Amino acid sequence: MTQKRSYTAGHFEIMIDGHATTAYLKSVDGGFVRASQINEPVGPDHNRIKHTSTVDIEPFTIDFGLSGSQDVLTWIQASWRRQWSRRSGQINHANFNLFKTFEHEFHDALIAETTFPALDGASKDAAYLKIKVQPESVVSRKVDGSTRVDSEIGTKFKHWSASAFRLNIDGLDSVKYTNKLESFTIKQGIKKLYTGQDRLPQIEPTKIEFPDLIGTISLEYADEILDWYDQYVVKGQSDPDAQKTGSIEFLSQDRQDVLFRINLYEVGIQHAQVLQSSANADQIKRVKFELYVGRMDLDVMTGMD
């Protein structure tokens, strides 16, 4: 009996609009068709009939490094600005020797979600962006393994550190000492339309949802945050300064260059508190704050590849 060798899960690449991405891909998942199930009774009996009805495509979930990702960031930027563009491409899965064994095409895709990792000034871990991509159609097939995937992307990859960031809020200089920001996700609404005899739905972009930001800062540097909170939450003052602008800057490893920036608009504070105190705990006392954001925009720096 001839035994077949299993494929390794660690070798793959993604191509968008015919060009292989130069970004380091940590993981790829999803992108297959899933059927909905109908479970209905048959007359007065207890028997039930199950069968499929409509079908849908699960979104691709892609984790990638920052180095070489300028084209993907530009795609995200256009989505946030409601200048939607649809991309097509394919994911190539390879065997242990880096020869392609399976191709997974997708067509007319929109970005459904963009997730930024938790940022921590004390972290030594590499950080990755995560996007969910919703295609309108997919095709998957096995191939003969005559061509190779790019084996050099992993060696060219430069880590983006989760500790290399800076939060800025106009008029609150001390906010740059924020030591942590929790992970946050920007969601692009997508309407699925089943039309005519088409088995798969058409997709159309709808609203964009910008999340709240949750962070912590040392109590020593929290005076401006706490004053902002006291004026506009505790005392309820009505003033144009209740909402501010700001940015989150993602920095190079040496903290000298800004790789890209998320601009924040209509930022307001909704909660602040001193974190739990414990007896004999040898740790810095910190303030946790929660901000709402009306709108975000992405600034992609040229030459970051």
C-alpha atoms as a PDB file:
ATOM      1  CA  MET A   1       0.000   0.000   0.000  1.00  0.00           C
ATOM      2  CA  THR A   2       1.455   3.381  -1.014  1.00  0.00           C
ATOM      3  CA  GLN A   3       1.526   5.913   1.791  1.00  0.00           C
ATOM      4  CA  LYS A   4       0.989   9.635   1.097  1.00  0.00           C
ATOM      5  CA  ARG A   5       2.941  12.296   2.944  1.00  0.00           C
ATOM      6  CA  SER A   6       0.856  14.906   4.724  1.00  0.00           C
ATOM      7  CA  TYR A   7       1.196  18.546   3.722  1.00  0.00           C
ATOM      8  CA  THR A   8       2.809  20.906   6.191  1.00  0.00           C
ATOM      9  CA  ALA A   9       0.566  23.717   7.471  1.00  0.00           C
ATOM     10  CA  GLY A  10       3.427  26.186   7.736  1.00  0.00           C
ATOM     11  CA  HIS A  11       4.116  27.008   4.062  1.00  0.00           C
ATOM     12  CA  PHE A  12       1.766  29.321   2.209  1.00  0.00           C
ATOM     13  CA  GLU A  13       1.613  32.703   0.496  1.00  0.00           C
ATOM     14  CA  ILE A  14      -1.081  35.167  -0.542  1.00  0.00           C
ATOM     15  CA  MET A  15      -1.348  37.000  -3.847  1.00  0.00           C
ATOM     16  CA  ILE A  16      -3.600  40.045  -4.300  1.00  0.00           C
ATOM     17  CA  ASP A  17      -4.492  41.269  -7.782  1.00  0.00           C
ATOM     18  CA  GLY A  18      -1.818  39.027  -9.251  1.00  0.00           C
ATOM     19  CA  HIS A  19       1.047  40.224  -7.023  1.00  0.00           C
ATOM     20  CA  ALA A  20       2.491  38.156  -4.188  1.00  0.00           C
ATOM     21  CA  THR A  21       2.425  40.131  -0.968  1.00  0.00           C
ATOM     22  CA  THR A  22       5.796  40.890   0.578  1.00  0.00           C
ATOM     23  CA  ALA A  23       4.338  40.945   4.098  1.00  0.00           C
ATOM     24  CA  TYR A  24       5.080  38.138   6.539  1.00  0.00           C
ATOM     25  CA  LEU A  25       1.947  35.990   6.912  1.00  0.00           C
ATOM     26  CA  LYS A  26       1.459  34.470  10.326  1.00  0.00           C
ATOM     27  CA  SER A  27      -1.771  32.619   9.571  1.00  0.00           C
ATOM     28  CA  VAL A  28      -4.612  32.274   7.050  1.00  0.00           C
ATOM     29  CA  ASP A  29      -7.974  30.684   7.751  1.00  0.00           C
ATOM     30  CA  GLY A  30     -11.477  30.416   6.267  1.00  0.00           C
ATOM     31  CA  GLY A  31     -12.734  31.292   2.819  1.00  0.00           C
ATOM     32  CA  PHE A  32     -14.821  28.169   2.177  1.00  0.00           C
ATOM     33  CA  VAL A  33     -18.507  27.890   1.290  1.00  0.00           C
ATOM     34  CA  ARG A  34     -20.877  26.979   4.126  1.00  0.00           C
ATOM     35  CA  ALA A  35     -24.501  25.884   3.694  1.00  0.00           C
ATOM     36  CA  SER A  36     -27.341  26.929   5.993  1.00  0.00           C
ATOM     37  CA  GLN A  37     -29.501  24.137   7.377  1.00  0.00           C
ATOM     38  CA  ILE A  38     -33.281  23.869   7.496  1.00  0.00           C
ATOM     39  CA  ASN A  39     -34.862  21.524  10.040  1.00  0.00           C
ATOM     40  CA  GLU A  40     -38.606  21.144   9.485  1.00  0.00           C
ATOM     41  CA  PRO A  41     -41.339  18.812  10.799  1.00  0.00           C
ATOM     42  CA  VAL A  42     -43.212  16.306   8.643  1.00  0.00           C
ATOM     43  CA  GLY A  43     -46.956  16.365   9.369  1.00  0.00           C
ATOM     44  CA  PRO A  44     -48.083  15.227  12.834  1.00  0.00           C
ATOM     45  CA  ASP A  45     -45.122  12.869  13.293  1.00  0.00           C
ATOM     46  CA  HIS A  46     -42.090  13.564  15.429  1.00  0.00           C
ATOM     47  CA  ASN A  47     -39.816  12.936  12.472  1.00  0.00           C
ATOM     48  CA  ARG A  48     -38.062  15.937  10.969  1.00  0.00           C
ATOM     49  CA  ILE A  49     -36.362  16.536   7.651  1.00  0.00           C
ATOM     50  CA  LYS A  50     -33.019  18.288   7.427  1.00  0.00           C
ATOM     51  CA  HIS A  51     -31.695  19.827   4.246  1.00  0.00           C
ATOM     52  CA  THR A  52     -29.569  22.721   3.097  1.00  0.00           C
ATOM     53  CA  SER A  53     -30.889  26.048   1.848  1.00  0.00           C
ATOM     54  CA  THR A  54     -28.794  29.119   1.106  1.00  0.00           C
ATOM     55  CA  VAL A  55     -25.017  29.046   0.991  1.00  0.00           C
ATOM     56  CA  ASP A  56     -22.519  31.667   2.059  1.00  0.00           C
ATOM     57  CA  ILE A  57     -18.752  32.170   2.023  1.00  0.00           C
ATOM     58  CA  GLU A  58     -16.900  32.353   5.303  1.00  0.00           C
ATOM     59  CA  PRO A  59     -14.525  35.352   5.403  1.00  0.00           C
ATOM     60  CA  PHE A  60     -10.787  34.819   5.224  1.00  0.00           C
ATOM     61  CA  THR A  61      -8.974  35.677   8.443  1.00  0.00           C
ATOM     62  CA  ILE A  62      -5.397  36.797   7.770  1.00  0.00           C
ATOM     63  CA  ASP A  63      -2.712  37.699  10.329  1.00  0.00           C
ATOM     64  CA  PHE A  64       0.291  39.496   8.883  1.00  0.00           C
ATOM     65  CA  GLY A  65       3.346  41.466   9.923  1.00  0.00           C
ATOM     66  CA  LEU A  66       3.809  45.156   9.269  1.00  0.00           C
ATOM     67  CA  SER A  67       6.926  44.896   7.117  1.00  0.00           C
ATOM     68  CA  GLY A  68       5.958  44.866   3.453  1.00  0.00           C
ATOM     69  CA  SER A  69       2.266  45.485   4.108  1.00  0.00           C
ATOM     70  CA  GLN A  70       1.896  48.965   2.612  1.00  0.00           C
ATOM     71  CA  ASP A  71      -0.456  47.797  -0.150  1.00  0.00           C
ATOM     72  CA  VAL A  72      -2.771  46.084   2.345  1.00  0.00           C
ATOM     73  CA  LEU A  73      -2.727  49.164   4.609  1.00  0.00           C
ATOM     74  CA  THR A  74      -3.677  51.330   1.625  1.00  0.00           C
ATOM     75  CA  TRP A  75      -6.619  48.997   0.989  1.00  0.00           C
ATOM     76  CA  ILE A  76      -7.681  49.389   4.645  1.00  0.00           C
ATOM     77  CA  GLN A  77      -7.280  53.164   4.408  1.00  0.00           C
ATOM     78  CA  ALA A  78      -9.604  53.370   1.397  1.00  0.00           C
ATOM     79  CA  SER A  79     -12.216  51.250   3.197  1.00  0.00           C
ATOM     80  CA  TRP A  80     -12.231  53.579   6.214  1.00  0.00           C
ATOM     81  CA  ARG A  81     -12.627  56.562   3.900  1.00  0.00           C
ATOM     82  CA  ARG A  82     -15.596  54.876   2.213  1.00  0.00           C
ATOM     83  CA  GLN A  83     -13.667  54.653  -1.042  1.00  0.00           C
ATOM     84  CA  TRP A  84     -14.336  50.949  -1.277  1.00  0.00           C
ATOM     85  CA  SER A  85     -12.294  48.824  -3.620  1.00  0.00           C
ATOM     86  CA  ARG A  86     -12.716  45.152  -4.331  1.00  0.00           C
ATOM     87  CA  ARG A  87      -9.657  42.943  -4.576  1.00  0.00           C
ATOM     88  CA  SER A  88      -9.135  39.486  -5.989  1.00  0.00           C
ATOM     89  CA  GLY A  89      -6.330  37.070  -5.323  1.00  0.00           C
ATOM     90  CA  GLN A  90      -5.408  33.609  -4.149  1.00  0.00           C
ATOM     91  CA  ILE A  91      -3.740  31.742  -1.324  1.00  0.00           C
ATOM     92  CA  ASN A  92      -1.144  29.159  -2.324  1.00  0.00           C
ATOM     93  CA  HIS A  93      -0.536  26.264   0.050  1.00  0.00           C
ATOM     94  CA  ALA A  94       2.729  24.381  -0.323  1.00  0.00           C
ATOM     95  CA  ASN A  95       4.275  21.116   0.794  1.00  0.00           C
ATOM     96  CA  PHE A  96       7.414  20.668   2.887  1.00  0.00           C
ATOM     97  CA  ASN A  97       9.601  21.398  -0.161  1.00  0.00           C
ATOM     98  CA  LEU A  98       7.695  24.663  -0.860  1.00  0.00           C
ATOM     99  CA  PHE A  99       5.996  23.382  -4.011  1.00  0.00           C
ATOM    100  CA  LYS A 100       2.398  24.516  -4.443  1.00  0.00           C
ATOM    101  CA  THR A 101      -0.144  21.780  -3.797  1.00  0.00           C
ATOM    102  CA  PHE A 102      -3.419  23.672  -3.302  1.00  0.00           C
ATOM    103  CA  GLU A 103      -4.748  26.989  -4.628  1.00  0.00           C
ATOM    104  CA  HIS A 104      -7.607  28.938  -3.084  1.00  0.00           C
ATOM    105  CA  GLU A 105      -8.837  31.807  -5.260  1.00  0.00           C
ATOM    106  CA  PHE A 106     -11.093  34.634  -4.085  1.00  0.00           C
ATOM    107  CA  HIS A 107     -12.790  37.341  -6.138  1.00  0.00           C
ATOM    108  CA  ASP A 108     -14.265  40.837  -5.563  1.00  0.00           C
ATOM    109  CA  ALA A 109     -13.425  40.853  -1.848  1.00  0.00           C
ATOM    110  CA  LEU A 110     -14.089  43.629   0.671  1.00  0.00           C
ATOM    111  CA  ILE A 111     -12.360  44.166   4.011  1.00  0.00           C
ATOM    112  CA  ALA A 112     -14.886  43.272   6.727  1.00  0.00           C
ATOM    113  CA  GLU A 113     -12.752  43.819   9.858  1.00  0.00           C
ATOM    114  CA  THR A 114      -9.364  45.206  10.842  1.00  0.00           C
ATOM    115  CA  THR A 115      -8.048  44.244  14.285  1.00  0.00           C
ATOM    116  CA  PHE A 116      -5.067  45.946  15.890  1.00  0.00           C
ATOM    117  CA  PRO A 117      -3.248  43.999  18.606  1.00  0.00           C
ATOM    118  CA  ALA A 118      -3.005  44.932  22.255  1.00  0.00           C
ATOM    119  CA  LEU A 119      -0.180  47.440  22.745  1.00  0.00           C
ATOM    120  CA  ASP A 120       1.978  47.247  25.863  1.00  0.00           C
ATOM    121  CA  GLY A 121       5.060  49.329  26.583  1.00  0.00           C
ATOM    122  CA  ALA A 122       6.615  46.434  28.519  1.00  0.00           C
ATOM    123  CA  SER A 123       5.963  43.785  25.862  1.00  0.00           C
ATOM    124  CA  LYS A 124       8.779  42.076  23.970  1.00  0.00           C
ATOM    125  CA  ASP A 125       6.456  40.219  21.609  1.00  0.00           C
ATOM    126  CA  ALA A 126       6.060  40.791  17.891  1.00  0.00           C
ATOM    127  CA  ALA A 127       2.697  42.236  16.900  1.00  0.00           C
ATOM    128  CA  TYR A 128       0.508  41.418  13.911  1.00  0.00           C
ATOM    129  CA  LEU A 129      -2.451  43.006  12.191  1.00  0.00           C
ATOM    130  CA  LYS A 130      -5.511  40.857  11.578  1.00  0.00           C
ATOM    131  CA  ILE A 131      -7.999  41.434   8.783  1.00  0.00           C
ATOM    132  CA  LYS A 132     -11.152  39.630   7.747  1.00  0.00           C
ATOM    133  CA  VAL A 133     -11.750  39.642   4.011  1.00  0.00           C
ATOM    134  CA  GLN A 134     -15.202  38.825   2.625  1.00  0.00           C
ATOM    135  CA  PRO A 135     -15.095  37.557  -0.980  1.00  0.00           C
ATOM    136  CA  GLU A 136     -18.046  37.375  -3.349  1.00  0.00           C
ATOM    137  CA  SER A 137     -16.884  34.086  -4.890  1.00  0.00           C
ATOM    138  CA  VAL A 138     -14.162  31.490  -4.303  1.00  0.00           C
ATOM    139  CA  VAL A 139     -12.576  28.612  -6.216  1.00  0.00           C
ATOM    140  CA  SER A 140     -10.322  25.982  -4.631  1.00  0.00           C
ATOM    141  CA  ARG A 141      -8.352  23.221  -6.338  1.00  0.00           C
ATOM    142  CA  LYS A 142      -5.400  20.872  -5.946  1.00  0.00           C
ATOM    143  CA  VAL A 143      -2.445  21.511  -8.258  1.00  0.00           C
ATOM    144  CA  ASP A 144       0.412  19.360  -9.527  1.00  0.00           C
ATOM    145  CA  GLY A 145       3.159  20.919  -7.385  1.00  0.00           C
ATOM    146  CA  SER A 146       5.333  22.117 -10.249  1.00  0.00           C
ATOM    147  CA  THR A 147       5.874  25.686  -8.977  1.00  0.00           C
ATOM    148  CA  ARG A 148       7.242  27.000  -5.705  1.00  0.00           C
ATOM    149  CA  VAL A 149       6.080  29.620  -3.220  1.00  0.00           C
ATOM    150  CA  ASP A 150       8.401  32.411  -2.057  1.00  0.00           C
ATOM    151  CA  SER A 151      10.694  31.004   0.624  1.00  0.00           C
ATOM    152  CA  GLU A 152      12.474  34.268   1.455  1.00  0.00           C
ATOM    153  CA  ILE A 153       9.633  36.316   2.916  1.00  0.00           C
ATOM    154  CA  GLY A 154      10.147  34.916   6.413  1.00  0.00           C
ATOM    155  CA  THR A 155      13.851  35.806   6.373  1.00  0.00           C
ATOM    156  CA  LYS A 156      13.173  39.348   5.135  1.00  0.00           C
ATOM    157  CA  PHE A 157      10.546  40.002   7.797  1.00  0.00           C
ATOM    158  CA  LYS A 158      11.300  42.656  10.400  1.00  0.00           C
ATOM    159  CA  HIS A 159       9.330  42.395  13.616  1.00  0.00           C
ATOM    160  CA  TRP A 160       6.902  45.116  14.588  1.00  0.00           C
ATOM    161  CA  SER A 161       6.940  45.302  18.370  1.00  0.00           C
ATOM    162  CA  ALA A 162       3.754  45.649  20.420  1.00  0.00           C
ATOM    163  CA  SER A 163       5.638  48.052  22.703  1.00  0.00           C
ATOM    164  CA  ALA A 164       6.481  50.595  19.972  1.00  0.00           C
ATOM    165  CA  PHE A 165       3.523  52.967  20.038  1.00  0.00           C
ATOM    166  CA  ARG A 166       2.492  56.426  21.223  1.00  0.00           C
ATOM    167  CA  LEU A 167      -0.985  57.792  22.019  1.00  0.00           C
ATOM    168  CA  ASN A 168      -1.572  61.497  21.437  1.00  0.00           C
ATOM    169  CA  ILE A 169      -4.591  63.600  22.439  1.00  0.00           C
ATOM    170  CA  ASP A 170      -4.574  67.306  21.552  1.00  0.00           C
ATOM    171  CA  GLY A 171      -4.231  69.435  24.694  1.00  0.00           C
ATOM    172  CA  LEU A 172      -3.278  66.465  26.890  1.00  0.00           C
ATOM    173  CA  ASP A 173       0.495  66.212  26.614  1.00  0.00           C
ATOM    174  CA  SER A 174       0.897  63.597  29.344  1.00  0.00           C
ATOM    175  CA  VAL A 175      -1.257  61.047  27.467  1.00  0.00           C
ATOM    176  CA  LYS A 176       1.880  60.079  25.519  1.00  0.00           C
ATOM    177  CA  TYR A 177       2.896  58.175  28.676  1.00  0.00           C
ATOM    178  CA  THR A 178       0.037  55.702  28.188  1.00  0.00           C
ATOM    179  CA  ASN A 179       1.585  52.285  28.785  1.00  0.00           C
ATOM    180  CA  LYS A 180      -1.167  50.030  27.424  1.00  0.00           C
ATOM    181  CA  LEU A 181      -3.960  50.055  24.850  1.00  0.00           C
ATOM    182  CA  GLU A 182      -6.292  47.098  24.544  1.00  0.00           C
ATOM    183  CA  SER A 183      -6.860  45.413  21.193  1.00  0.00           C
ATOM    184  CA  PHE A 184      -9.535  47.096  19.058  1.00  0.00           C
ATOM    185  CA  THR A 185     -11.415  46.226  15.873  1.00  0.00           C
ATOM    186  CA  ILE A 186     -12.835  48.438  13.121  1.00  0.00           C
ATOM    187  CA  LYS A 187     -15.813  46.733  11.454  1.00  0.00           C
ATOM    188  CA  GLN A 188     -17.070  47.304   7.927  1.00  0.00           C
ATOM    189  CA  GLY A 189     -20.726  46.403   7.561  1.00  0.00           C
ATOM    190  CA  ILE A 190     -21.444  44.178   4.552  1.00  0.00           C
ATOM    191  CA  LYS A 191     -24.914  43.512   3.178  1.00  0.00           C
ATOM    192  CA  LYS A 192     -25.423  40.148   1.475  1.00  0.00           C
ATOM    193  CA  LEU A 193     -27.993  40.138  -1.307  1.00  0.00           C
ATOM    194  CA  TYR A 194     -29.383  36.933  -2.802  1.00  0.00           C
ATOM    195  CA  THR A 195     -30.568  37.755  -6.303  1.00  0.00           C
ATOM    196  CA  GLY A 196     -32.123  35.758  -9.118  1.00  0.00           C
ATOM    197  CA  GLN A 197     -30.693  32.320  -9.709  1.00  0.00           C
ATOM    198  CA  ASP A 198     -27.257  33.111  -8.241  1.00  0.00           C
ATOM    199  CA  ARG A 199     -26.384  30.598  -5.559  1.00  0.00           C
ATOM    200  CA  LEU A 200     -23.929  32.891  -3.759  1.00  0.00           C
ATOM    201  CA  PRO A 201     -24.968  36.369  -2.553  1.00  0.00           C
ATOM    202  CA  GLN A 202     -23.707  39.653  -3.894  1.00  0.00           C
ATOM    203  CA  ILE A 203     -21.998  41.796  -1.243  1.00  0.00           C
ATOM    204  CA  GLU A 204     -22.281  45.545  -0.749  1.00  0.00           C
ATOM    205  CA  PRO A 205     -20.502  47.718   1.857  1.00  0.00           C
ATOM    206  CA  THR A 206     -22.622  49.609   4.397  1.00  0.00           C
ATOM    207  CA  LYS A 207     -21.691  51.472   7.593  1.00  0.00           C
ATOM    208  CA  ILE A 208     -18.310  51.488   9.367  1.00  0.00           C
ATOM    209  CA  GLU A 209     -18.151  50.998  13.140  1.00  0.00           C
ATOM    210  CA  PHE A 210     -15.245  52.575  15.013  1.00  0.00           C
ATOM    211  CA  PRO A 211     -14.577  51.089  18.468  1.00  0.00           C
ATOM    212  CA  ASP A 212     -13.890  52.570  21.871  1.00  0.00           C
ATOM    213  CA  LEU A 213     -10.291  52.734  23.083  1.00  0.00           C
ATOM    214  CA  ILE A 214      -9.341  51.401  26.509  1.00  0.00           C
ATOM    215  CA  GLY A 215      -5.933  52.188  27.989  1.00  0.00           C
ATOM    216  CA  THR A 216      -3.962  52.576  31.201  1.00  0.00           C
ATOM    217  CA  ILE A 217      -1.531  55.225  32.365  1.00  0.00           C
ATOM    218  CA  SER A 218       0.525  55.705  35.524  1.00  0.00           C
ATOM    219  CA  LEU A 219      -1.363  57.698  38.185  1.00  0.00           C
ATOM    220  CA  GLU A 220       1.626  60.040  38.289  1.00  0.00           C
ATOM    221  CA  TYR A 221       0.904  61.149  34.695  1.00  0.00           C
ATOM    222  CA  ALA A 222      -2.910  60.923  34.839  1.00  0.00           C
ATOM    223  CA  ASP A 223      -3.736  64.456  36.045  1.00  0.00           C
ATOM    224  CA  GLU A 224      -4.908  65.704  32.641  1.00  0.00           C
ATOM    225  CA  ILE A 225      -6.965  62.578  31.953  1.00  0.00           C
ATOM    226  CA  LEU A 226      -8.628  62.771  35.366  1.00  0.00           C
ATOM    227  CA  ASP A 227      -9.335  66.503  34.951  1.00  0.00           C
ATOM    228  CA  TRP A 228     -10.923  65.840  31.540  1.00  0.00           C
ATOM    229  CA  TYR A 229     -13.017  63.070  33.100  1.00  0.00           C
ATOM    230  CA  ASP A 230     -14.040  65.263  36.054  1.00  0.00           C
ATOM    231  CA  GLN A 231     -15.148  68.173  33.853  1.00  0.00           C
ATOM    232  CA  TYR A 232     -17.114  66.349  31.187  1.00  0.00           C
ATOM    233  CA  VAL A 233     -18.320  63.164  32.898  1.00  0.00           C
ATOM    234  CA  VAL A 234     -18.595  63.887  36.621  1.00  0.00           C
ATOM    235  CA  LYS A 235     -19.644  67.555  36.344  1.00  0.00           C
ATOM    236  CA  GLY A 236     -21.216  67.250  32.894  1.00  0.00           C
ATOM    237  CA  GLN A 237     -19.910  70.508  31.446  1.00  0.00           C
ATOM    238  CA  SER A 238     -21.042  71.301  27.922  1.00  0.00           C
ATOM    239  CA  ASP A 239     -18.116  72.678  25.959  1.00  0.00           C
ATOM    240  CA  PRO A 240     -16.567  72.269  22.491  1.00  0.00           C
ATOM    241  CA  ASP A 241     -13.410  71.011  24.222  1.00  0.00           C
ATOM    242  CA  ALA A 242     -15.319  67.971  25.507  1.00  0.00           C
ATOM    243  CA  GLN A 243     -14.323  66.230  22.279  1.00  0.00           C
ATOM    244  CA  LYS A 244     -10.772  66.258  20.986  1.00  0.00           C
ATOM    245  CA  THR A 245      -8.618  64.959  18.162  1.00  0.00           C
ATOM    246  CA  GLY A 246      -5.594  62.725  18.517  1.00  0.00           C
ATOM    247  CA  SER A 247      -3.645  59.838  17.056  1.00  0.00           C
ATOM    248  CA  ILE A 248      -2.069  56.463  17.714  1.00  0.00           C
ATOM    249  CA  GLU A 249       1.437  56.309  16.259  1.00  0.00           C
ATOM    250  CA  PHE A 250       3.032  52.949  15.479  1.00  0.00           C
ATOM    251  CA  LEU A 251       6.801  53.293  15.739  1.00  0.00           C
ATOM    252  CA  SER A 252       9.898  51.559  14.443  1.00  0.00           C
ATOM    253  CA  GLN A 253      11.846  49.372  16.841  1.00  0.00           C
ATOM    254  CA  ASP A 254      14.201  52.225  17.748  1.00  0.00           C
ATOM    255  CA  ARG A 255      11.177  54.549  18.332  1.00  0.00           C
ATOM    256  CA  GLN A 256      12.657  57.117  15.944  1.00  0.00           C
ATOM    257  CA  ASP A 257      10.296  56.764  12.978  1.00  0.00           C
ATOM    258  CA  VAL A 258       6.512  56.613  12.637  1.00  0.00           C
ATOM    259  CA  LEU A 259       5.611  53.603  10.477  1.00  0.00           C
ATOM    260  CA  PHE A 260       1.939  54.489  10.249  1.00  0.00           C
ATOM    261  CA  ARG A 261      -0.611  56.473  12.207  1.00  0.00           C
ATOM    262  CA  ILE A 262      -4.290  56.194  13.084  1.00  0.00           C
ATOM    263  CA  ASN A 263      -5.796  59.662  13.313  1.00  0.00           C
ATOM    264  CA  LEU A 264      -8.616  59.973  15.846  1.00  0.00           C
ATOM    265  CA  TYR A 265     -11.520  62.406  15.530  1.00  0.00           C
ATOM    266  CA  GLU A 266     -14.389  63.349  17.855  1.00  0.00           C
ATOM    267  CA  VAL A 267     -12.688  61.706  20.819  1.00  0.00           C
ATOM    268  CA  GLY A 268     -14.474  61.889  24.161  1.00  0.00           C
ATOM    269  CA  ILE A 269     -13.894  60.343  27.577  1.00  0.00           C
ATOM    270  CA  GLN A 270     -16.599  58.176  29.082  1.00  0.00           C
ATOM    271  CA  HIS A 271     -14.952  56.576  32.095  1.00  0.00           C
ATOM    272  CA  ALA A 272     -11.811  56.663  34.251  1.00  0.00           C
ATOM    273  CA  GLN A 273     -10.837  54.831  37.405  1.00  0.00           C
ATOM    274  CA  VAL A 274      -7.857  54.008  39.563  1.00  0.00           C
ATOM    275  CA  LEU A 275      -7.167  50.305  39.166  1.00  0.00           C
ATOM    276  CA  GLN A 276      -7.560  47.902  42.069  1.00  0.00           C
ATOM    277  CA  SER A 277      -5.150  48.400  44.945  1.00  0.00           C
ATOM    278  CA  SER A 278      -3.805  45.380  46.829  1.00  0.00           C
ATOM    279  CA  ALA A 279      -1.966  45.337  50.145  1.00  0.00           C
ATOM    280  CA  ASN A 280       1.808  44.861  49.897  1.00  0.00           C
ATOM    281  CA  ALA A 281       1.672  44.824  46.083  1.00  0.00           C
ATOM    282  CA  ASP A 282       4.904  46.106  44.566  1.00  0.00           C
ATOM    283  CA  GLN A 283       3.567  47.578  41.349  1.00  0.00           C
ATOM    284  CA  ILE A 284       2.901  50.941  39.737  1.00  0.00           C
ATOM    285  CA  LYS A 285      -0.519  52.390  40.489  1.00  0.00           C
ATOM    286  CA  ARG A 286      -2.354  53.055  37.251  1.00  0.00           C
ATOM    287  CA  VAL A 287      -5.488  54.728  35.944  1.00  0.00           C
ATOM    288  CA  LYS A 288      -7.706  52.951  33.407  1.00  0.00           C
ATOM    289  CA  PHE A 289      -9.562  55.175  30.941  1.00  0.00           C
ATOM    290  CA  GLU A 290     -12.136  54.575  28.205  1.00  0.00           C
ATOM    291  CA  LEU A 291     -12.485  56.826  25.167  1.00  0.00           C
ATOM    292  CA  TYR A 292     -15.128  56.853  22.457  1.00  0.00           C
ATOM    293  CA  VAL A 293     -14.050  57.755  18.917  1.00  0.00           C
ATOM    294  CA  GLY A 294     -16.368  59.142  16.259  1.00  0.00           C
ATOM    295  CA  ARG A 295     -14.078  58.499  13.306  1.00  0.00           C
ATOM    296  CA  MET A 296     -10.644  57.086  12.480  1.00  0.00           C
ATOM    297  CA  ASP A 297      -8.387  57.581   9.491  1.00  0.00           C
ATOM    298  CA  LEU A 298      -5.211  55.756   8.542  1.00  0.00           C
ATOM    299  CA  ASP A 299      -2.016  57.534   7.502  1.00  0.00           C
ATOM    300  CA  VAL A 300       0.330  55.176   5.661  1.00  0.00           C
ATOM    301  CA  MET A 301       3.910  56.400   5.467  1.00  0.00           C
ATOM    302  CA  THR A 302       5.676  55.979   2.133  1.00  0.00           C
ATOM    303  CA  GLY A 303       8.790  53.832   1.992  1.00  0.00           C
ATOM    304  CA  MET A 304       7.790  51.598   4.914  1.00  0.00           C
ATOM    305  CA  ASP A 305       8.350  48.493   2.779  1.00  0.00           C
END
